[in-house]
């Protein structure tokens, strides 16, 4: 079950790299905390519906310093198809969903917090002997960045909503 979360994190790290490339913003002092929004069930359903289509567009794009206007037009049009104002609206919902997912224990499927899950993942990573040192270092850096951006959850209703759709969200993340 932990492998499922590791696979999700690998996808999230790649997705974060793509998002950073799209935003073309240099990180000055490390990651900023997640700008939390209250999620609705409708937003979560639209996110699930849009994830595959938007992921397919992003998968074909090389990571570069600035997004091409054609790419942004395609992302915005696809996001609007699924009821979002634009791709930034989709991305805001996605970041909040992933933030809550990152605090859910994959074994109990209960929210325990980002720090607790990250510490468990780091312990598993350090105990493992399969990954090469470079890959371990890369993953440890990603976990470190995740801990730097940790903040308490502002909207408790988001936790219940994401836990309710936990399995579907993991399945959608596995397709990206």
C-alpha atoms as a PDB file:
ATOM      1  CA  UNK A   1       0.000   0.000   0.000  1.00  0.00           C
ATOM      2  CA  UNK A   2       2.895   2.361   0.665  1.00  0.00           C
ATOM      3  CA  UNK A   3       4.076   1.820  -2.903  1.00  0.00           C
ATOM      4  CA  UNK A   4       0.829   3.378  -4.061  1.00  0.00           C
ATOM      5  CA  UNK A   5       1.622   6.531  -2.122  1.00  0.00           C
ATOM      6  CA  UNK A   6       5.209   6.488  -3.366  1.00  0.00           C
ATOM      7  CA  UNK A   7       3.964   6.209  -6.935  1.00  0.00           C
ATOM      8  CA  UNK A   8       1.559   9.069  -6.279  1.00  0.00           C
ATOM      9  CA  UNK A   9       4.406  11.170  -4.855  1.00  0.00           C
ATOM     10  CA  UNK A  10       6.589  10.437  -7.858  1.00  0.00           C
ATOM     11  CA  UNK A  11       3.801  11.733 -10.069  1.00  0.00           C
ATOM     12  CA  UNK A  12       3.252  14.723  -7.826  1.00  0.00           C
ATOM     13  CA  UNK A  13       6.924  15.629  -7.867  1.00  0.00           C
ATOM     14  CA  UNK A  14       6.920  15.503 -11.664  1.00  0.00           C
ATOM     15  CA  UNK A  15       3.680  17.466 -11.746  1.00  0.00           C
ATOM     16  CA  UNK A  16       5.145  20.078  -9.430  1.00  0.00           C
ATOM     17  CA  UNK A  17       8.156  20.377 -11.715  1.00  0.00           C
ATOM     18  CA  UNK A  18       5.825  20.906 -14.679  1.00  0.00           C
ATOM     19  CA  UNK A  19       3.797  23.465 -12.739  1.00  0.00           C
ATOM     20  CA  UNK A  20       6.953  25.338 -11.782  1.00  0.00           C
ATOM     21  CA  UNK A  21       8.072  25.313 -15.391  1.00  0.00           C
ATOM     22  CA  UNK A  22       4.690  26.661 -16.477  1.00  0.00           C
ATOM     23  CA  UNK A  23       4.767  29.427 -13.911  1.00  0.00           C
ATOM     24  CA  UNK A  24       8.412  30.248 -14.673  1.00  0.00           C
ATOM     25  CA  UNK A  25       8.860  31.650 -11.181  1.00  0.00           C
ATOM     26  CA  UNK A  26      12.197  31.128  -9.454  1.00  0.00           C
ATOM     27  CA  UNK A  27      12.021  29.944  -5.865  1.00  0.00           C
ATOM     28  CA  UNK A  28      13.588  32.622  -3.718  1.00  0.00           C
ATOM     29  CA  UNK A  29      13.619  31.098  -0.221  1.00  0.00           C
ATOM     30  CA  UNK A  30      11.943  27.755  -0.696  1.00  0.00           C
ATOM     31  CA  UNK A  31       8.372  26.758  -1.394  1.00  0.00           C
ATOM     32  CA  UNK A  32       5.511  28.868  -0.182  1.00  0.00           C
ATOM     33  CA  UNK A  33       2.738  27.268   1.844  1.00  0.00           C
ATOM     34  CA  UNK A  34      -0.263  26.023  -0.081  1.00  0.00           C
ATOM     35  CA  UNK A  35      -2.885  28.723  -0.619  1.00  0.00           C
ATOM     36  CA  UNK A  36      -5.787  26.822   0.852  1.00  0.00           C
ATOM     37  CA  UNK A  37      -9.335  27.108  -0.456  1.00  0.00           C
ATOM     38  CA  UNK A  38     -12.558  25.473   0.686  1.00  0.00           C
ATOM     39  CA  UNK A  39     -13.319  22.624  -1.703  1.00  0.00           C
ATOM     40  CA  UNK A  40     -16.789  21.547  -2.781  1.00  0.00           C
ATOM     41  CA  UNK A  41     -17.858  18.104  -3.884  1.00  0.00           C
ATOM     42  CA  UNK A  42     -18.649  19.549  -7.308  1.00  0.00           C
ATOM     43  CA  UNK A  43     -15.087  20.886  -7.654  1.00  0.00           C
ATOM     44  CA  UNK A  44     -13.673  17.523  -6.671  1.00  0.00           C
ATOM     45  CA  UNK A  45     -15.825  15.690  -9.216  1.00  0.00           C
ATOM     46  CA  UNK A  46     -14.854  18.149 -11.951  1.00  0.00           C
ATOM     47  CA  UNK A  47     -11.198  17.729 -10.958  1.00  0.00           C
ATOM     48  CA  UNK A  48     -11.500  13.946 -11.332  1.00  0.00           C
ATOM     49  CA  UNK A  49     -13.140  14.340 -14.731  1.00  0.00           C
ATOM     50  CA  UNK A  50     -10.546  16.838 -16.005  1.00  0.00           C
ATOM     51  CA  UNK A  51      -7.380  15.224 -14.667  1.00  0.00           C
ATOM     52  CA  UNK A  52      -6.906  12.708 -17.446  1.00  0.00           C
ATOM     53  CA  UNK A  53      -7.461  15.198 -20.287  1.00  0.00           C
ATOM     54  CA  UNK A  54      -5.208  17.875 -18.774  1.00  0.00           C
ATOM     55  CA  UNK A  55      -2.577  15.281 -17.852  1.00  0.00           C
ATOM     56  CA  UNK A  56      -2.508  14.107 -21.469  1.00  0.00           C
ATOM     57  CA  UNK A  57      -1.830  17.649 -22.668  1.00  0.00           C
ATOM     58  CA  UNK A  58       0.928  18.196 -20.098  1.00  0.00           C
ATOM     59  CA  UNK A  59       2.533  14.815 -20.827  1.00  0.00           C
ATOM     60  CA  UNK A  60       3.275  15.900 -24.398  1.00  0.00           C
ATOM     61  CA  UNK A  61       4.958  19.144 -23.378  1.00  0.00           C
ATOM     62  CA  UNK A  62       8.677  19.390 -22.698  1.00  0.00           C
ATOM     63  CA  UNK A  63       9.513  21.240 -19.506  1.00  0.00           C
ATOM     64  CA  UNK A  64      10.800  24.665 -20.426  1.00  0.00           C
ATOM     65  CA  UNK A  65      11.264  28.126 -19.026  1.00  0.00           C
ATOM     66  CA  UNK A  66       7.953  29.552 -20.224  1.00  0.00           C
ATOM     67  CA  UNK A  67       4.717  27.990 -21.480  1.00  0.00           C
ATOM     68  CA  UNK A  68       3.898  28.383 -25.134  1.00  0.00           C
ATOM     69  CA  UNK A  69       0.740  30.418 -25.777  1.00  0.00           C
ATOM     70  CA  UNK A  70      -0.697  27.455 -27.706  1.00  0.00           C
ATOM     71  CA  UNK A  71      -0.183  25.198 -24.668  1.00  0.00           C
ATOM     72  CA  UNK A  72      -1.850  27.656 -22.296  1.00  0.00           C
ATOM     73  CA  UNK A  73      -4.763  28.068 -24.706  1.00  0.00           C
ATOM     74  CA  UNK A  74      -5.225  24.274 -24.843  1.00  0.00           C
ATOM     75  CA  UNK A  75      -4.998  23.954 -21.044  1.00  0.00           C
ATOM     76  CA  UNK A  76      -7.441  26.832 -20.483  1.00  0.00           C
ATOM     77  CA  UNK A  77      -9.919  25.501 -23.063  1.00  0.00           C
ATOM     78  CA  UNK A  78      -9.807  22.001 -21.591  1.00  0.00           C
ATOM     79  CA  UNK A  79     -10.226  23.321 -18.050  1.00  0.00           C
ATOM     80  CA  UNK A  80     -13.247  25.369 -19.170  1.00  0.00           C
ATOM     81  CA  UNK A  81     -14.728  22.230 -20.728  1.00  0.00           C
ATOM     82  CA  UNK A  82     -14.791  20.719 -17.238  1.00  0.00           C
ATOM     83  CA  UNK A  83     -16.332  23.769 -15.574  1.00  0.00           C
ATOM     84  CA  UNK A  84     -13.245  25.627 -14.363  1.00  0.00           C
ATOM     85  CA  UNK A  85     -12.738  29.298 -15.211  1.00  0.00           C
ATOM     86  CA  UNK A  86      -9.296  28.460 -16.599  1.00  0.00           C
ATOM     87  CA  UNK A  87      -6.304  26.207 -15.981  1.00  0.00           C
ATOM     88  CA  UNK A  88      -5.278  28.259 -12.928  1.00  0.00           C
ATOM     89  CA  UNK A  89      -8.662  27.468 -11.352  1.00  0.00           C
ATOM     90  CA  UNK A  90      -8.135  23.766 -11.970  1.00  0.00           C
ATOM     91  CA  UNK A  91      -4.594  23.984 -10.612  1.00  0.00           C
ATOM     92  CA  UNK A  92      -5.790  25.686  -7.407  1.00  0.00           C
ATOM     93  CA  UNK A  93      -8.259  22.865  -6.758  1.00  0.00           C
ATOM     94  CA  UNK A  94      -5.616  20.262  -7.646  1.00  0.00           C
ATOM     95  CA  UNK A  95      -3.047  21.714  -5.246  1.00  0.00           C
ATOM     96  CA  UNK A  96      -5.547  21.676  -2.400  1.00  0.00           C
ATOM     97  CA  UNK A  97      -6.604  18.104  -3.105  1.00  0.00           C
ATOM     98  CA  UNK A  98      -3.005  16.907  -3.302  1.00  0.00           C
ATOM     99  CA  UNK A  99      -2.191  18.778  -0.105  1.00  0.00           C
ATOM    100  CA  UNK A 100      -4.869  16.863   1.805  1.00  0.00           C
ATOM    101  CA  UNK A 101      -3.893  13.580   0.104  1.00  0.00           C
ATOM    102  CA  UNK A 102      -0.331  14.078   1.288  1.00  0.00           C
ATOM    103  CA  UNK A 103      -1.534  13.900   4.892  1.00  0.00           C
ATOM    104  CA  UNK A 104      -3.600  10.716   4.568  1.00  0.00           C
ATOM    105  CA  UNK A 105      -2.074   7.523   5.926  1.00  0.00           C
ATOM    106  CA  UNK A 106      -2.326   5.031   3.049  1.00  0.00           C
ATOM    107  CA  UNK A 107      -2.844   2.069   5.379  1.00  0.00           C
ATOM    108  CA  UNK A 108      -5.676   3.428   7.520  1.00  0.00           C
ATOM    109  CA  UNK A 109      -6.968   5.950   4.942  1.00  0.00           C
ATOM    110  CA  UNK A 110      -7.285   8.485   7.749  1.00  0.00           C
ATOM    111  CA  UNK A 111      -5.876  11.990   7.782  1.00  0.00           C
ATOM    112  CA  UNK A 112      -2.864  12.108  10.119  1.00  0.00           C
ATOM    113  CA  UNK A 113      -1.122  15.188   8.730  1.00  0.00           C
ATOM    114  CA  UNK A 114       1.543  15.896   6.166  1.00  0.00           C
ATOM    115  CA  UNK A 115       4.403  15.714   8.674  1.00  0.00           C
ATOM    116  CA  UNK A 116       3.448  12.246   9.961  1.00  0.00           C
ATOM    117  CA  UNK A 117       3.081  10.759   6.474  1.00  0.00           C
ATOM    118  CA  UNK A 118       6.284  12.408   5.248  1.00  0.00           C
ATOM    119  CA  UNK A 119       8.275  11.115   8.217  1.00  0.00           C
ATOM    120  CA  UNK A 120       6.997   7.582   7.550  1.00  0.00           C
ATOM    121  CA  UNK A 121       7.877   7.860   3.860  1.00  0.00           C
ATOM    122  CA  UNK A 122      11.379   9.140   4.667  1.00  0.00           C
ATOM    123  CA  UNK A 123      11.908   6.248   7.097  1.00  0.00           C
ATOM    124  CA  UNK A 124      10.809   3.763   4.423  1.00  0.00           C
ATOM    125  CA  UNK A 125      13.067   5.421   1.869  1.00  0.00           C
ATOM    126  CA  UNK A 126      16.109   5.369   4.129  1.00  0.00           C
ATOM    127  CA  UNK A 127      15.497   1.740   5.111  1.00  0.00           C
ATOM    128  CA  UNK A 128      15.230   0.623   1.484  1.00  0.00           C
ATOM    129  CA  UNK A 129      18.229  -0.756  -0.364  1.00  0.00           C
ATOM    130  CA  UNK A 130      16.820  -0.890  -3.901  1.00  0.00           C
ATOM    131  CA  UNK A 131      17.087   2.724  -5.058  1.00  0.00           C
ATOM    132  CA  UNK A 132      20.400   4.168  -6.198  1.00  0.00           C
ATOM    133  CA  UNK A 133      21.834   6.939  -3.990  1.00  0.00           C
ATOM    134  CA  UNK A 134      21.051   9.652  -6.563  1.00  0.00           C
ATOM    135  CA  UNK A 135      17.372   8.700  -6.613  1.00  0.00           C
ATOM    136  CA  UNK A 136      17.248   8.565  -2.804  1.00  0.00           C
ATOM    137  CA  UNK A 137      18.776  12.022  -2.657  1.00  0.00           C
ATOM    138  CA  UNK A 138      16.266  13.395  -5.159  1.00  0.00           C
ATOM    139  CA  UNK A 139      13.333  11.948  -3.228  1.00  0.00           C
ATOM    140  CA  UNK A 140      14.691  13.185   0.097  1.00  0.00           C
ATOM    141  CA  UNK A 141      14.930  16.678  -1.373  1.00  0.00           C
ATOM    142  CA  UNK A 142      11.308  16.429  -2.526  1.00  0.00           C
ATOM    143  CA  UNK A 143      10.218  15.339   0.970  1.00  0.00           C
ATOM    144  CA  UNK A 144      12.227  18.177   2.477  1.00  0.00           C
ATOM    145  CA  UNK A 145      10.492  20.710   0.211  1.00  0.00           C
ATOM    146  CA  UNK A 146       7.155  19.188   1.178  1.00  0.00           C
ATOM    147  CA  UNK A 147       7.933  19.643   4.872  1.00  0.00           C
ATOM    148  CA  UNK A 148       8.995  23.266   4.293  1.00  0.00           C
ATOM    149  CA  UNK A 149       5.620  24.036   2.764  1.00  0.00           C
ATOM    150  CA  UNK A 150       3.662  22.255   5.524  1.00  0.00           C
ATOM    151  CA  UNK A 151       0.901  24.226   7.190  1.00  0.00           C
ATOM    152  CA  UNK A 152      -2.176  23.317   9.238  1.00  0.00           C
ATOM    153  CA  UNK A 153      -5.326  22.574   7.280  1.00  0.00           C
ATOM    154  CA  UNK A 154      -7.635  25.611   7.342  1.00  0.00           C
ATOM    155  CA  UNK A 155     -10.765  23.904   6.037  1.00  0.00           C
ATOM    156  CA  UNK A 156     -11.580  20.692   7.915  1.00  0.00           C
ATOM    157  CA  UNK A 157     -14.362  19.930   5.442  1.00  0.00           C
ATOM    158  CA  UNK A 158     -11.663  19.425   2.784  1.00  0.00           C
ATOM    159  CA  UNK A 159     -10.297  16.469   4.750  1.00  0.00           C
ATOM    160  CA  UNK A 160     -13.649  14.660   4.873  1.00  0.00           C
ATOM    161  CA  UNK A 161     -14.219  15.297   1.171  1.00  0.00           C
ATOM    162  CA  UNK A 162     -10.815  14.064   0.034  1.00  0.00           C
ATOM    163  CA  UNK A 163     -10.995  11.005   2.323  1.00  0.00           C
ATOM    164  CA  UNK A 164     -14.405  10.190   0.798  1.00  0.00           C
ATOM    165  CA  UNK A 165     -12.875  10.181  -2.708  1.00  0.00           C
ATOM    166  CA  UNK A 166      -9.470   8.813  -1.667  1.00  0.00           C
ATOM    167  CA  UNK A 167      -9.451   5.686  -3.849  1.00  0.00           C
ATOM    168  CA  UNK A 168     -10.746   7.506  -6.928  1.00  0.00           C
ATOM    169  CA  UNK A 169      -8.171  10.255  -6.463  1.00  0.00           C
ATOM    170  CA  UNK A 170      -5.320   7.766  -6.228  1.00  0.00           C
ATOM    171  CA  UNK A 171      -6.584   5.999  -9.326  1.00  0.00           C
ATOM    172  CA  UNK A 172      -6.719   9.281 -11.244  1.00  0.00           C
ATOM    173  CA  UNK A 173      -3.183  10.177 -10.122  1.00  0.00           C
ATOM    174  CA  UNK A 174      -1.892   6.800 -11.306  1.00  0.00           C
ATOM    175  CA  UNK A 175      -3.069   7.583 -14.867  1.00  0.00           C
ATOM    176  CA  UNK A 176      -0.951  10.705 -15.166  1.00  0.00           C
END
